[in-house]
Protein backbone atom coordinates (compact mmCIF):
# COMPACT_ATOMS: atom_id res chain seq x y z
CA MET A 1 45.65 85.87 34.67
CA ARG A 2 48.40 83.66 35.16
CA HIS A 3 48.66 80.51 37.18
CA GLY A 4 52.38 78.19 37.26
CA SER A 5 51.96 74.87 37.08
CA GLY A 6 49.55 72.78 39.45
CA GLY A 7 47.50 75.91 39.95
CA THR A 8 49.79 77.88 41.71
CA LEU A 9 49.62 81.91 41.47
CA THR A 10 51.29 83.89 39.87
CA ALA A 11 53.13 86.68 41.21
CA GLY A 12 52.28 90.16 40.64
CA ASP A 13 48.74 89.11 39.38
CA THR A 14 45.13 89.82 40.72
CA VAL A 15 43.66 86.17 41.94
CA THR A 16 39.93 87.10 44.45
CA VAL A 17 40.04 85.74 47.74
CA ARG A 18 36.90 83.95 48.76
CA LEU A 19 36.60 83.88 52.63
CA VAL A 20 33.87 80.81 52.30
CA LYS A 21 32.00 80.63 55.46
CA ALA A 22 28.07 78.91 55.30
CA PRO A 23 26.21 79.28 56.05
CA ARG A 24 26.44 83.21 55.35
CA PRO A 25 27.12 84.38 52.20
CA ASP A 26 31.18 83.86 50.87
CA LYS A 27 33.64 87.19 51.09
CA SER A 28 35.15 87.78 48.25
CA TYR A 29 38.23 90.43 47.41
CA PRO A 30 40.97 91.27 44.72
CA ALA A 31 44.61 91.29 45.71
CA SER A 32 48.16 91.14 43.95
CA VAL A 33 49.88 87.78 44.25
CA LEU A 34 53.24 88.22 45.92
CA SER A 35 54.91 84.47 45.96
CA ASP A 36 53.36 81.36 45.62
CA ASP A 37 55.86 77.73 46.90
CA GLY A 38 53.49 75.86 45.45
CA VAL A 39 52.34 75.52 49.79
CA HIS A 40 52.97 79.16 50.67
CA VAL A 41 50.56 81.86 49.57
CA VAL A 42 51.10 85.69 50.32
CA VAL A 43 48.77 88.32 48.87
CA ARG A 44 48.82 92.42 49.41
CA ALA A 45 45.38 93.60 49.90
CA PRO A 46 43.44 96.77 51.22
CA TRP A 47 40.65 96.41 54.01
CA SER A 48 37.94 95.61 51.62
CA ASP A 49 34.90 97.32 52.92
CA PRO A 50 33.91 101.16 51.97
CA VAL A 51 33.59 101.85 56.19
CA THR A 52 35.39 101.43 59.30
CA ARG A 53 35.01 98.36 61.36
CA ASP A 54 35.67 98.84 65.09
CA MET A 55 36.61 94.91 66.22
CA GLY A 56 37.07 96.75 69.73
CA PHE A 57 40.69 95.96 70.00
CA VAL A 58 41.53 97.50 66.53
CA ARG A 59 39.78 99.45 63.65
CA PHE A 60 40.08 97.51 60.81
CA GLU A 61 39.78 100.93 58.29
CA PRO A 62 39.85 102.03 54.37
CA GLY A 63 43.88 102.26 53.99
CA ASP A 64 44.57 99.71 55.46
CA VAL A 65 46.85 96.69 53.92
CA PHE A 66 46.65 92.84 54.36
CA THR A 67 49.80 90.62 53.73
CA GLU A 68 48.35 88.21 53.26
CA HIS A 69 49.42 84.47 54.33
CA TYR A 70 47.33 80.69 53.79
CA TRP A 71 48.56 78.09 53.29
CA ARG A 72 47.62 74.70 51.63
CA ASP A 73 49.23 72.45 54.98
CA ARG A 74 47.75 74.34 57.86
CA TRP A 75 44.53 75.32 58.68
CA TYR A 76 45.18 79.02 59.04
CA SER A 77 46.05 81.78 57.85
CA VAL A 78 47.98 84.40 59.10
CA LYS A 79 47.50 88.39 57.84
CA GLU A 80 49.36 91.59 59.11
CA VAL A 81 47.61 94.48 59.69
CA HIS A 82 49.22 97.83 58.39
CA ASP A 83 47.52 101.26 58.22
CA ALA A 84 47.88 103.66 56.00
CA ALA A 85 50.43 105.31 56.90
CA GLY A 86 52.51 101.68 57.41
CA GLY A 87 52.13 101.73 60.93
CA PHE A 88 51.42 98.15 62.09
CA LYS A 89 48.40 97.31 63.40
CA GLY A 90 49.25 93.22 64.53
CA TRP A 91 47.82 90.43 62.98
CA TYR A 92 44.83 89.15 62.09
CA CYS A 93 44.20 85.07 62.30
CA ASP A 94 41.69 83.05 61.10
CA VAL A 95 41.10 79.35 61.65
CA THR A 96 40.27 77.78 58.24
CA ARG A 97 40.83 75.02 56.22
CA PRO A 98 44.05 74.88 53.93
CA ALA A 99 43.65 77.17 50.83
CA GLU A 100 43.32 76.51 47.70
CA VAL A 101 43.02 77.63 44.60
CA HIS A 102 40.57 76.65 41.95
CA ASP A 103 40.43 78.14 38.49
CA GLY A 104 42.53 81.75 39.19
CA VAL A 105 40.43 81.74 43.17
CA LEU A 106 41.72 81.31 45.64
CA VAL A 107 39.67 79.56 48.16
CA VAL A 108 39.84 79.65 51.43
CA PRO A 109 36.84 77.73 53.78
CA ASP A 110 36.12 80.23 57.16
CA LEU A 111 36.18 77.41 60.39
CA ASP A 112 35.46 81.07 62.59
CA LEU A 113 37.68 80.86 65.31
CA ASP A 114 39.93 83.60 64.72
CA LEU A 115 43.16 85.27 66.87
CA TRP A 116 44.09 88.83 66.93
CA ALA A 117 47.80 89.76 67.70
CA SER A 118 48.51 93.78 68.75
CA ALA A 119 51.61 94.98 66.99
CA ASP A 120 53.56 94.55 70.06
CA ARG A 121 51.52 91.85 71.46
CA SER A 122 50.39 92.54 74.98
CA GLN A 123 47.36 91.75 73.48
CA VAL A 124 46.94 88.64 72.70
CA LEU A 125 42.75 87.50 71.89
CA ARG A 126 41.20 83.97 71.07
CA LEU A 127 37.66 85.41 69.34
CA ASP A 128 34.52 83.78 68.09
CA GLU A 129 34.12 81.11 70.32
CA ASP A 130 31.03 81.39 70.25
CA GLU A 131 30.08 81.68 66.66
CA PHE A 132 32.35 78.29 66.62
CA LEU A 133 29.93 76.23 68.69
CA ASP A 134 27.69 77.35 66.59
CA SER A 135 28.33 76.15 63.64
CA GLY A 136 28.12 72.80 64.97
CA LEU A 137 31.18 71.59 63.45
CA THR A 138 31.94 69.93 66.72
CA GLU A 139 29.23 67.55 65.68
CA ARG A 140 29.57 67.56 62.32
CA ASP A 141 32.91 66.83 62.01
CA PRO A 142 34.87 66.03 65.19
CA VAL A 143 38.41 65.65 63.05
CA ALA A 144 37.81 68.88 61.44
CA ALA A 145 36.63 70.43 64.86
CA ALA A 146 39.74 69.19 66.53
CA GLN A 147 42.08 70.56 64.31
CA ALA A 148 41.13 73.79 64.33
CA ARG A 149 40.92 73.82 68.28
CA ARG A 150 44.91 72.66 67.71
CA ALA A 151 45.56 75.06 64.69
CA LEU A 152 43.96 77.98 67.39
CA ASP A 153 47.04 77.11 69.92
CA GLU A 154 49.79 77.15 67.36
CA LEU A 155 48.67 80.49 66.61
CA ALA A 156 48.56 81.40 69.87
CA ASP A 157 52.58 80.19 70.27
CA LEU A 158 52.89 81.91 66.99
CA ALA A 159 51.94 85.22 68.36
CA ALA A 160 54.30 84.61 71.71
CA GLU A 161 56.92 84.81 68.91
CA GLY A 162 56.26 88.18 67.15
CA PHE A 163 54.71 85.47 63.90
CA ARG A 164 58.41 84.40 62.99
CA THR A 165 58.35 81.19 60.96
CA VAL A 166 55.31 82.63 58.63
């Protein structure tokens, strides 16, 4: 694996994306680097589970492709979801701490809050409030918890405009 200077990733390389889910097990999967300008990293990865996951509002299925946007200065990630035939399903967004690259691994600490926006934006759902509250982040790190809530609001604003500024 080659790396650009300052811990940037090189387009065309494969990188491991590690979603830090503490206290639950981390989730890691390979992705192809599309770009990394030192702040904004874009990777593409297939749905990493061999089975369909029906979320109620969308089904993630083998063959789905995720184009994932991560930032080193934003508290969220935005994932554009397409089906195997290229049809656009929508955006799945995670509230996270800013992404970091360590030894060629894109490390993204997940803060449990999520947002789904359907392709036509008729459905914008804030998700996993219960997991966020159960995480204890509000008590353990109130500054980070407040930043996470601001990030969820920012994602809702981005969804309203179709993520044009992503």
